[in-house]
C-alpha atoms as a PDB file:
ATOM      1  CA  MET A   1      28.423   2.060   9.334  1.00  0.00           C
ATOM      2  CA  LYS A   2      26.833   0.365   6.343  1.00  0.00           C
ATOM      3  CA  ALA A   3      24.398   2.529   4.494  1.00  0.00           C
ATOM      4  CA  PHE A   4      20.898   1.212   3.784  1.00  0.00           C
ATOM      5  CA  PHE A   5      21.273   0.840   0.057  1.00  0.00           C
ATOM      6  CA  ASP A   6      24.748  -0.714   0.259  1.00  0.00           C
ATOM      7  CA  HIS A   7      24.835  -4.109  -1.448  1.00  0.00           C
ATOM      8  CA  SER A   8      21.493  -3.447  -3.221  1.00  0.00           C
ATOM      9  CA  GLU A   9      22.937  -4.010  -6.641  1.00  0.00           C
ATOM     10  CA  PRO A  10      20.806  -5.757  -9.212  1.00  0.00           C
ATOM     11  CA  ARG A  11      20.347  -9.466  -8.607  1.00  0.00           C
ATOM     12  CA  ASP A  12      17.553 -10.306 -10.979  1.00  0.00           C
ATOM     13  CA  THR A  13      15.513  -8.886 -13.885  1.00  0.00           C
ATOM     14  CA  LEU A  14      11.962  -8.488 -14.936  1.00  0.00           C
ATOM     15  CA  THR A  15      11.023  -8.483 -18.641  1.00  0.00           C
ATOM     16  CA  LEU A  16       8.126  -6.354 -19.821  1.00  0.00           C
ATOM     17  CA  GLY A  17       7.989  -6.792 -23.650  1.00  0.00           C
ATOM     18  CA  ASP A  18      11.064  -5.116 -25.078  1.00  0.00           C
ATOM     19  CA  GLU A  19      12.099  -3.505 -21.694  1.00  0.00           C
ATOM     20  CA  THR A  20      13.939  -5.057 -18.761  1.00  0.00           C
ATOM     21  CA  ILE A  21      13.561  -3.890 -15.100  1.00  0.00           C
ATOM     22  CA  GLU A  22      16.360  -4.596 -12.809  1.00  0.00           C
ATOM     23  CA  LEU A  23      15.498  -5.989  -9.338  1.00  0.00           C
ATOM     24  CA  PRO A  24      15.396  -5.026  -6.642  1.00  0.00           C
ATOM     25  CA  ILE A  25      13.763  -1.860  -7.448  1.00  0.00           C
ATOM     26  CA  LEU A  26      15.134   0.999  -5.224  1.00  0.00           C
ATOM     27  CA  TYR A  27      13.011   3.735  -3.553  1.00  0.00           C
ATOM     28  CA  PHE A  28      15.152   6.536  -2.522  1.00  0.00           C
ATOM     29  CA  ARG A  29      12.726   9.311  -1.623  1.00  0.00           C
ATOM     30  CA  ASP A  30       8.823   9.541  -1.389  1.00  0.00           C
ATOM     31  CA  ASP A  31       5.986  11.264   0.228  1.00  0.00           C
ATOM     32  CA  ALA A  32       4.037   8.471   2.053  1.00  0.00           C
ATOM     33  CA  PHE A  33       1.088   8.516   4.394  1.00  0.00           C
ATOM     34  CA  ALA A  34      -1.509   6.125   5.545  1.00  0.00           C
ATOM     35  CA  LEU A  35      -4.834   5.936   7.433  1.00  0.00           C
ATOM     36  CA  TYR A  36      -5.903   2.835   9.268  1.00  0.00           C
ATOM     37  CA  PHE A  37      -9.627   1.944   9.505  1.00  0.00           C
ATOM     38  CA  SER A  38     -11.556  -0.890  11.270  1.00  0.00           C
ATOM     39  CA  ALA A  39     -13.704  -2.927   8.945  1.00  0.00           C
ATOM     40  CA  ASP A  40     -16.043  -5.961   9.188  1.00  0.00           C
ATOM     41  CA  TYR A  41     -14.047  -8.923   9.936  1.00  0.00           C
ATOM     42  CA  GLU A  42     -16.032 -11.489   7.988  1.00  0.00           C
ATOM     43  CA  LYS A  43     -16.262  -9.212   4.886  1.00  0.00           C
ATOM     44  CA  VAL A  44     -12.563  -8.765   4.920  1.00  0.00           C
ATOM     45  CA  LYS A  45     -11.832 -12.434   5.567  1.00  0.00           C
ATOM     46  CA  ASN A  46     -13.991 -13.178   2.339  1.00  0.00           C
ATOM     47  CA  ASN A  47     -11.391 -11.208   0.400  1.00  0.00           C
ATOM     48  CA  MET A  48      -8.477 -13.372   1.400  1.00  0.00           C
ATOM     49  CA  PRO A  49      -7.197 -15.655  -1.491  1.00  0.00           C
ATOM     50  CA  THR A  50      -6.700 -18.551   0.937  1.00  0.00           C
ATOM     51  CA  ASP A  51      -8.273 -19.799   4.167  1.00  0.00           C
ATOM     52  CA  GLN A  52      -4.749 -19.757   5.638  1.00  0.00           C
ATOM     53  CA  LEU A  53      -4.733 -15.950   5.612  1.00  0.00           C
ATOM     54  CA  TYR A  54      -6.463 -14.602   8.645  1.00  0.00           C
ATOM     55  CA  PRO A  55      -7.141 -10.799   9.067  1.00  0.00           C
ATOM     56  CA  VAL A  56      -5.576  -9.128  12.285  1.00  0.00           C
ATOM     57  CA  MET A  57      -8.482  -8.765  14.658  1.00  0.00           C
ATOM     58  CA  LEU A  58      -8.764  -5.636  16.777  1.00  0.00           C
ATOM     59  CA  PRO A  59     -10.054  -5.888  20.450  1.00  0.00           C
ATOM     60  CA  ASN A  60     -13.548  -4.821  19.128  1.00  0.00           C
ATOM     61  CA  GLY A  61     -13.564  -7.948  16.858  1.00  0.00           C
ATOM     62  CA  ARG A  62     -13.069  -5.997  13.659  1.00  0.00           C
ATOM     63  CA  ALA A  63     -10.429  -6.216  11.063  1.00  0.00           C
ATOM     64  CA  ILE A  64      -7.876  -3.498   9.816  1.00  0.00           C
ATOM     65  CA  ILE A  65      -7.900  -1.955   6.379  1.00  0.00           C
ATOM     66  CA  ALA A  66      -5.128   0.485   5.540  1.00  0.00           C
ATOM     67  CA  LEU A  67      -5.216   3.034   2.832  1.00  0.00           C
ATOM     68  CA  ALA A  68      -1.782   4.299   1.935  1.00  0.00           C
ATOM     69  CA  ALA A  69      -0.627   6.822  -0.641  1.00  0.00           C
ATOM     70  CA  PHE A  70       2.790   7.153  -2.146  1.00  0.00           C
ATOM     71  CA  ASN A  71       4.163   9.982  -4.175  1.00  0.00           C
ATOM     72  CA  TYR A  72       7.385   8.322  -5.381  1.00  0.00           C
ATOM     73  CA  ILE A  73       9.959  11.110  -6.243  1.00  0.00           C
ATOM     74  CA  ASP A  74      13.170   9.224  -6.674  1.00  0.00           C
ATOM     75  CA  THR A  75      13.160   5.509  -7.763  1.00  0.00           C
ATOM     76  CA  THR A  76      15.200   3.291 -10.075  1.00  0.00           C
ATOM     77  CA  ILE A  77      12.062   3.056 -12.379  1.00  0.00           C
ATOM     78  CA  GLY A  78      11.220   6.764 -12.298  1.00  0.00           C
ATOM     79  CA  PRO A  79       8.662   8.873 -10.445  1.00  0.00           C
ATOM     80  CA  TYR A  80       5.106   7.777 -10.142  1.00  0.00           C
ATOM     81  CA  GLY A  81       2.055   7.692  -7.744  1.00  0.00           C
ATOM     82  CA  GLU A  82       0.650   4.825  -6.045  1.00  0.00           C
ATOM     83  CA  LEU A  83      -2.326   4.125  -3.586  1.00  0.00           C
ATOM     84  CA  ALA A  84      -2.655   0.853  -1.654  1.00  0.00           C
ATOM     85  CA  VAL A  85      -5.660  -0.733  -0.059  1.00  0.00           C
ATOM     86  CA  ALA A  86      -4.334  -3.431   2.163  1.00  0.00           C
ATOM     87  CA  ALA A  87      -5.537  -5.843   4.850  1.00  0.00           C
ATOM     88  CA  PRO A  88      -3.177  -6.838   7.569  1.00  0.00           C
ATOM     89  CA  ALA A  89      -3.319 -10.519   8.026  1.00  0.00           C
ATOM     90  CA  VAL A  90      -1.274 -13.479   9.545  1.00  0.00           C
ATOM     91  CA  TYR A  91      -0.475 -16.469   7.334  1.00  0.00           C
ATOM     92  CA  GLY A  92      -1.333 -19.764   9.090  1.00  0.00           C
ATOM     93  CA  LYS A  93      -2.446 -18.503  12.498  1.00  0.00           C
ATOM     94  CA  GLN A  94      -5.761 -17.032  13.485  1.00  0.00           C
ATOM     95  CA  THR A  95      -5.778 -14.058  15.713  1.00  0.00           C
ATOM     96  CA  THR A  96      -8.507 -13.265  18.293  1.00  0.00           C
ATOM     97  CA  ALA A  97      -9.719 -10.052  19.889  1.00  0.00           C
ATOM     98  CA  SER A  98      -7.167 -10.490  22.636  1.00  0.00           C
ATOM     99  CA  SER A  99      -4.230 -11.755  20.637  1.00  0.00           C
ATOM    100  CA  GLY A 100      -4.519  -9.490  17.552  1.00  0.00           C
ATOM    101  CA  ILE A 101      -2.755  -6.648  19.326  1.00  0.00           C
ATOM    102  CA  PHE A 102       0.579  -8.368  19.006  1.00  0.00           C
ATOM    103  CA  PRO A 103       0.707  -8.645  15.098  1.00  0.00           C
ATOM    104  CA  ALA A 104      -0.919  -5.118  14.920  1.00  0.00           C
ATOM    105  CA  LEU A 105       1.979  -3.691  16.949  1.00  0.00           C
ATOM    106  CA  MET A 106       4.940  -5.940  15.820  1.00  0.00           C
ATOM    107  CA  GLU A 107       3.909  -6.000  12.088  1.00  0.00           C
ATOM    108  CA  SER A 108       6.544  -7.778  10.096  1.00  0.00           C
ATOM    109  CA  ASN A 109       8.364  -8.849  13.321  1.00  0.00           C
ATOM    110  CA  TYR A 110       5.363 -11.131  14.017  1.00  0.00           C
ATOM    111  CA  SER A 111       5.610 -14.637  12.278  1.00  0.00           C
ATOM    112  CA  GLY A 112       3.379 -14.801   9.214  1.00  0.00           C
ATOM    113  CA  PHE A 113       2.395 -11.110   9.337  1.00  0.00           C
ATOM    114  CA  GLY A 114       1.855  -9.316   5.990  1.00  0.00           C
ATOM    115  CA  VAL A 115      -0.579  -7.163   4.266  1.00  0.00           C
ATOM    116  CA  VAL A 116      -2.962  -8.525   1.611  1.00  0.00           C
ATOM    117  CA  VAL A 117      -2.974  -5.993  -1.208  1.00  0.00           C
ATOM    118  CA  LEU A 118      -6.562  -5.638  -2.314  1.00  0.00           C
ATOM    119  CA  HIS A 119      -6.038  -2.714  -4.666  1.00  0.00           C
ATOM    120  CA  LEU A 120      -2.900  -0.997  -5.895  1.00  0.00           C
ATOM    121  CA  PRO A 121      -3.483   1.688  -8.549  1.00  0.00           C
ATOM    122  CA  VAL A 122      -0.560   3.536  -9.899  1.00  0.00           C
ATOM    123  CA  THR A 123      -0.064   6.474 -12.430  1.00  0.00           C
ATOM    124  CA  HIS A 124       2.274   4.829 -14.761  1.00  0.00           C
ATOM    125  CA  GLU A 125       2.062   1.834 -17.181  1.00  0.00           C
ATOM    126  CA  LYS A 126       5.450   0.537 -16.405  1.00  0.00           C
ATOM    127  CA  ALA A 127       4.686   0.337 -12.687  1.00  0.00           C
ATOM    128  CA  ARG A 128       1.368  -1.340 -13.322  1.00  0.00           C
ATOM    129  CA  ASP A 129       2.793  -3.961 -15.698  1.00  0.00           C
ATOM    130  CA  GLY A 130       5.822  -4.554 -13.563  1.00  0.00           C
ATOM    131  CA  GLY A 131       3.743  -5.042 -10.410  1.00  0.00           C
ATOM    132  CA  ARG A 132       1.307  -7.457 -12.151  1.00  0.00           C
ATOM    133  CA  VAL A 133       3.975  -9.459 -14.070  1.00  0.00           C
ATOM    134  CA  GLY A 134       6.418  -9.611 -11.170  1.00  0.00           C
ATOM    135  CA  TRP A 135       4.253 -10.087  -8.250  1.00  0.00           C
ATOM    136  CA  GLY A 136       0.623 -10.332  -9.273  1.00  0.00           C
ATOM    137  CA  TYR A 137      -0.115  -6.908  -7.484  1.00  0.00           C
ATOM    138  CA  THR A 138      -3.640  -5.679  -8.181  1.00  0.00           C
ATOM    139  CA  LYS A 139      -2.473  -2.636 -10.247  1.00  0.00           C
ATOM    140  CA  PHE A 140      -4.432  -0.473 -12.525  1.00  0.00           C
ATOM    141  CA  ILE A 141      -3.723   2.952 -14.081  1.00  0.00           C
ATOM    142  CA  ALA A 142      -5.394   5.964 -12.202  1.00  0.00           C
ATOM    143  CA  ASP A 143      -4.962   9.779 -11.986  1.00  0.00           C
ATOM    144  CA  MET A 144      -3.411  10.990  -8.801  1.00  0.00           C
ATOM    145  CA  HIS A 145      -3.358  14.626  -7.516  1.00  0.00           C
ATOM    146  CA  PHE A 146      -1.080  14.947  -4.469  1.00  0.00           C
ATOM    147  CA  THR A 147      -1.375  18.076  -2.302  1.00  0.00           C
ATOM    148  CA  LEU A 148       1.503  18.377   0.224  1.00  0.00           C
ATOM    149  CA  ARG A 149       1.177  21.228   2.833  1.00  0.00           C
ATOM    150  CA  PRO A 150       2.788  21.798   6.248  1.00  0.00           C
ATOM    151  CA  GLU A 151      -0.591  20.925   7.842  1.00  0.00           C
ATOM    152  CA  TYR A 152      -1.810  18.003   5.747  1.00  0.00           C
ATOM    153  CA  MET A 153      -1.085  15.516   2.957  1.00  0.00           C
ATOM    154  CA  GLN A 154      -3.777  14.622   0.384  1.00  0.00           C
ATOM    155  CA  CYS A 155      -4.334  12.337  -2.660  1.00  0.00           C
ATOM    156  CA  ARG A 156      -7.217  12.814  -4.855  1.00  0.00           C
ATOM    157  CA  MET A 157      -7.678   9.735  -7.203  1.00  0.00           C
ATOM    158  CA  LEU A 158      -9.766   9.502 -10.228  1.00  0.00           C
ATOM    159  CA  GLU A 159      -9.968   7.381 -13.394  1.00  0.00           C
ATOM    160  CA  LYS A 160     -10.572   9.862 -16.020  1.00  0.00           C
ATOM    161  CA  ASP A 161     -13.661  11.790 -14.852  1.00  0.00           C
ATOM    162  CA  THR A 162     -14.718   9.136 -12.331  1.00  0.00           C
ATOM    163  CA  HIS A 163     -13.902   9.930  -8.778  1.00  0.00           C
ATOM    164  CA  ILE A 164     -12.217   7.061  -6.801  1.00  0.00           C
ATOM    165  CA  LEU A 165     -11.506   8.629  -3.475  1.00  0.00           C
ATOM    166  CA  ASP A 166      -9.933  11.529  -1.595  1.00  0.00           C
ATOM    167  CA  LEU A 167      -7.436  10.528   1.153  1.00  0.00           C
ATOM    168  CA  ARG A 168      -6.366  13.244   3.543  1.00  0.00           C
ATOM    169  CA  LEU A 169      -3.994  13.132   6.588  1.00  0.00           C
ATOM    170  CA  ARG A 170      -3.487  15.791   9.229  1.00  0.00           C
ATOM    171  CA  ARG A 171       0.297  16.035   9.889  1.00  0.00           C
ATOM    172  CA  LYS A 172       0.800  15.261  13.693  1.00  0.00           C
ATOM    173  CA  GLY A 173       1.952  12.443  15.948  1.00  0.00           C
ATOM    174  CA  ILE A 174       4.990  11.105  17.842  1.00  0.00           C
ATOM    175  CA  TYR A 175       8.123  10.445  15.960  1.00  0.00           C
ATOM    176  CA  VAL A 176       9.238   6.780  15.690  1.00  0.00           C
ATOM    177  CA  ARG A 177      12.294   5.264  13.916  1.00  0.00           C
ATOM    178  CA  ASP A 178      11.158   2.311  11.959  1.00  0.00           C
ATOM    179  CA  ARG A 179      13.519  -0.369  10.347  1.00  0.00           C
ATOM    180  CA  LYS A 180      10.841  -3.130  10.109  1.00  0.00           C
ATOM    181  CA  PRO A 181      10.289  -4.465   6.575  1.00  0.00           C
ATOM    182  CA  LEU A 182       7.008  -4.226   4.807  1.00  0.00           C
ATOM    183  CA  THR A 183       5.712  -7.788   3.920  1.00  0.00           C
ATOM    184  CA  THR A 184       3.048  -8.210   1.302  1.00  0.00           C
ATOM    185  CA  TYR A 185       0.880 -11.120   0.059  1.00  0.00           C
ATOM    186  CA  SER A 186      -0.389 -11.156  -3.547  1.00  0.00           C
ATOM    187  CA  VAL A 187      -1.537 -13.732  -6.011  1.00  0.00           C
ATOM    188  CA  LYS A 188       0.203 -14.581  -9.312  1.00  0.00           C
ATOM    189  CA  ASP A 189      -1.064 -17.422 -11.513  1.00  0.00           C
ATOM    190  CA  ARG A 190      -2.903 -18.947  -8.600  1.00  0.00           C
ATOM    191  CA  GLN A 191       0.381 -18.849  -6.438  1.00  0.00           C
ATOM    192  CA  LEU A 192       0.576 -16.942  -3.174  1.00  0.00           C
ATOM    193  CA  ILE A 193       3.427 -14.681  -3.195  1.00  0.00           C
ATOM    194  CA  LYS A 194       5.157 -13.297  -0.085  1.00  0.00           C
ATOM    195  CA  THR A 195       7.446 -10.327  -0.636  1.00  0.00           C
ATOM    196  CA  VAL A 196       9.529  -8.878   2.177  1.00  0.00           C
ATOM    197  CA  VAL A 197      10.556  -5.090   1.336  1.00  0.00           C
ATOM    198  CA  PRO A 198      13.327  -3.703   3.556  1.00  0.00           C
ATOM    199  CA  GLN A 199      12.675  -0.305   4.829  1.00  0.00           C
ATOM    200  CA  THR A 200      14.458   2.426   6.742  1.00  0.00           C
ATOM    201  CA  ALA A 201      12.146   5.233   7.864  1.00  0.00           C
ATOM    202  CA  THR A 202      11.042   7.956  10.445  1.00  0.00           C
ATOM    203  CA  LYS A 203       7.340   7.942  10.793  1.00  0.00           C
ATOM    204  CA  ARG A 204       4.847   9.981  12.859  1.00  0.00           C
ATOM    205  CA  ILE A 205       2.025   8.204  14.406  1.00  0.00           C
ATOM    206  CA  SER A 206      -1.135   9.544  15.862  1.00  0.00           C
ATOM    207  CA  LEU A 207      -4.293   8.118  17.440  1.00  0.00           C
ATOM    208  CA  LEU A 208      -5.851  11.526  17.297  1.00  0.00           C
ATOM    209  CA  THR A 209      -7.167  11.577  13.783  1.00  0.00           C
ATOM    210  CA  GLY A 210      -9.286  14.621  13.671  1.00  0.00           C
ATOM    211  CA  GLY A 211      -9.029  16.330  10.234  1.00  0.00           C
ATOM    212  CA  SER A 212      -7.842  12.993   8.648  1.00  0.00           C
ATOM    213  CA  TYR A 213     -10.405  11.179   6.319  1.00  0.00           C
ATOM    214  CA  VAL A 214     -11.274   9.164   3.246  1.00  0.00           C
ATOM    215  CA  ARG A 215     -14.106  10.222   0.982  1.00  0.00           C
ATOM    216  CA  LEU A 216     -15.098   7.501  -1.550  1.00  0.00           C
ATOM    217  CA  GLY A 217     -16.549   7.929  -4.982  1.00  0.00           C
ATOM    218  CA  SER A 218     -18.572   5.717  -7.166  1.00  0.00           C
ATOM    219  CA  HIS A 219     -15.774   3.751  -8.950  1.00  0.00           C
ATOM    220  CA  PRO A 220     -15.685   0.015  -8.734  1.00  0.00           C
ATOM    221  CA  MET A 221     -12.673   0.284  -6.416  1.00  0.00           C
ATOM    222  CA  ALA A 222     -14.422   2.659  -4.164  1.00  0.00           C
ATOM    223  CA  GLU A 223     -17.501   0.437  -4.048  1.00  0.00           C
ATOM    224  CA  SER A 224     -15.478  -2.616  -3.024  1.00  0.00           C
ATOM    225  CA  ILE A 225     -13.988  -0.507  -0.140  1.00  0.00           C
ATOM    226  CA  LYS A 226     -17.370   0.522   0.847  1.00  0.00           C
ATOM    227  CA  ALA A 227     -18.492  -3.069   0.831  1.00  0.00           C
ATOM    228  CA  LEU A 228     -15.976  -3.802   3.729  1.00  0.00           C
ATOM    229  CA  ASP A 229     -17.883  -1.591   6.041  1.00  0.00           C
ATOM    230  CA  LEU A 230     -15.151   0.958   7.138  1.00  0.00           C
ATOM    231  CA  ALA A 231     -15.616   2.827  10.159  1.00  0.00           C
ATOM    232  CA  PRO A 232     -16.640   6.443   9.526  1.00  0.00           C
ATOM    233  CA  LYS A 233     -13.372   7.631  11.082  1.00  0.00           C
ATOM    234  CA  PRO A 234      -9.817   6.170  11.026  1.00  0.00           C
ATOM    235  CA  PHE A 235      -8.354   5.054  14.279  1.00  0.00           C
ATOM    236  CA  MET A 236      -4.732   5.861  13.408  1.00  0.00           C
ATOM    237  CA  SER A 237      -2.651   7.920  11.113  1.00  0.00           C
ATOM    238  CA  VAL A 238       0.955   7.462  10.019  1.00  0.00           C
ATOM    239  CA  TYR A 239       3.062   9.671   7.650  1.00  0.00           C
ATOM    240  CA  TYR A 240       6.829   9.314   6.817  1.00  0.00           C
ATOM    241  CA  PRO A 241       9.125  12.378   6.945  1.00  0.00           C
ATOM    242  CA  GLU A 242      11.766  10.170   5.513  1.00  0.00           C
ATOM    243  CA  ARG A 243      11.665   6.711   4.083  1.00  0.00           C
ATOM    244  CA  GLY A 244      13.707   4.439   1.828  1.00  0.00           C
ATOM    245  CA  ALA A 245      12.798   0.852   0.541  1.00  0.00           C
ATOM    246  CA  ILE A 246      14.056  -1.979  -1.427  1.00  0.00           C
ATOM    247  CA  LEU A 247      11.678  -4.094  -3.482  1.00  0.00           C
ATOM    248  CA  PRO A 248      12.851  -7.619  -4.352  1.00  0.00           C
ATOM    249  CA  ALA A 249      11.333 -10.473  -6.091  1.00  0.00           C
ATOM    250  CA  GLY A 250       8.782 -12.402  -4.154  1.00  0.00           C
ATOM    251  CA  GLN A 251       8.596 -15.927  -2.890  1.00  0.00           C
ATOM    252  CA  VAL A 252       5.912 -18.528  -3.603  1.00  0.00           C
ATOM    253  CA  ILE A 253       4.632 -20.021  -0.402  1.00  0.00           C
ATOM    254  CA  ALA A 254       1.448 -21.707  -1.553  1.00  0.00           C
ATOM    255  CA  ASN A 255      -0.184 -23.023  -4.693  1.00  0.00           C
ATOM    256  CA  ASN A 256      -3.849 -23.311  -5.958  1.00  0.00           C
ATOM    257  CA  VAL A 257      -5.043 -20.272  -3.984  1.00  0.00           C
ATOM    258  CA  GLU A 258      -7.949 -18.109  -5.136  1.00  0.00           C
ATOM    259  CA  PRO A 259      -7.258 -15.399  -7.783  1.00  0.00           C
ATOM    260  CA  LEU A 260      -6.803 -11.916  -6.560  1.00  0.00           C
ATOM    261  CA  GLU A 261      -6.669  -9.786  -9.584  1.00  0.00           C
ATOM    262  CA  GLY A 262      -8.513  -6.626  -8.575  1.00  0.00           C
ATOM    263  CA  TYR A 263      -9.711  -4.007 -10.981  1.00  0.00           C
ATOM    264  CA  TYR A 264      -7.895  -3.819 -14.073  1.00  0.00           C
ATOM    265  CA  GLY A 265      -8.891  -0.721 -16.106  1.00  0.00           C
ATOM    266  CA  GLU A 266      -7.411   0.337 -19.462  1.00  0.00           C
ATOM    267  CA  THR A 267      -3.930   1.346 -20.759  1.00  0.00           C
ATOM    268  CA  ARG A 268      -3.513   5.109 -20.933  1.00  0.00           C
ATOM    269  CA  GLU A 269      -1.392   8.014 -19.836  1.00  0.00           C
ATOM    270  CA  ALA A 270      -2.557   9.094 -16.388  1.00  0.00           C
ATOM    271  CA  GLU A 271      -2.075  12.317 -14.504  1.00  0.00           C
ATOM    272  CA  HIS A 272       0.353  12.564 -11.601  1.00  0.00           C
ATOM    273  CA  ILE A 273       0.354  16.020 -10.227  1.00  0.00           C
ATOM    274  CA  ILE A 274       1.914  17.281  -7.092  1.00  0.00           C
ATOM    275  CA  THR A 275       0.822  20.628  -5.499  1.00  0.00           C
ATOM    276  CA  TYR A 276       3.362  21.942  -2.908  1.00  0.00           C
ATOM    277  CA  ALA A 277       2.886  24.606  -0.235  1.00  0.00           C
ATOM    278  CA  GLY A 278       3.464  27.392  -2.729  1.00  0.00           C
ATOM    279  CA  ASP A 279       0.284  26.349  -4.898  1.00  0.00           C
ATOM    280  CA  THR A 280       2.562  25.257  -7.674  1.00  0.00           C
ATOM    281  CA  ALA A 281       1.378  22.212  -9.476  1.00  0.00           C
ATOM    282  CA  VAL A 282       4.103  20.029 -10.682  1.00  0.00           C
ATOM    283  CA  PRO A 283       3.207  17.267 -13.223  1.00  0.00           C
ATOM    284  CA  ASN A 284       5.344  14.080 -13.174  1.00  0.00           C
END
């Protein structure tokens, strides 16, 4: 049987100053978890870089915003932390309150589905620059403190002394095997980039989200999330006991779209700290 990372040898390169990154980037091991919230449809739609991207509509007429944290442990560019704020959307086809359930459930198996990456802070300069130069991802450098316990997973994120958010997920849910790729939409030089990221994973999904939450600070990123009118509680939680992913170069699918640059921040060395069940903080 072919292993997931077989035939994932370098096929391209990305140049960052004097450094070269081989593509695809391989993600062998991480701690990943996400909460899904409903948000105001029109406010989310106003964040789309093109009118051909339609947020996925829930039965209540609202859009979806996912907040997902990743503690990357073993990758071909080293360990780092990342937190995504993303809006599931469909390119070229508007969903309704009755039809939105199909892309919401099928995700990348639904034609045109992908997540529009509104914010993607990371803890490492190489990860920031590589993401912006290669894909136009909305990356900036932030401090991330991950707490990983048998009962919950948490990411506290700051920019120096300014609190951005706390994301906590209560570990529970049914186990599901997932081999669907993750598809992202980003903007580079006014071009809409579609990137299909193969994944192999086991995830736990729960619609009972008591004990899971996001708490937003006063940072510009947090304020932009508040402006989307998120529901007070998530409607779904997902975490991954195991996951592998392969990040290739993206594909240009449209030109002359609106910029989607996000918050930029400054170049600095950030904190990436992981605290496991034994209360031992491990800096990366």
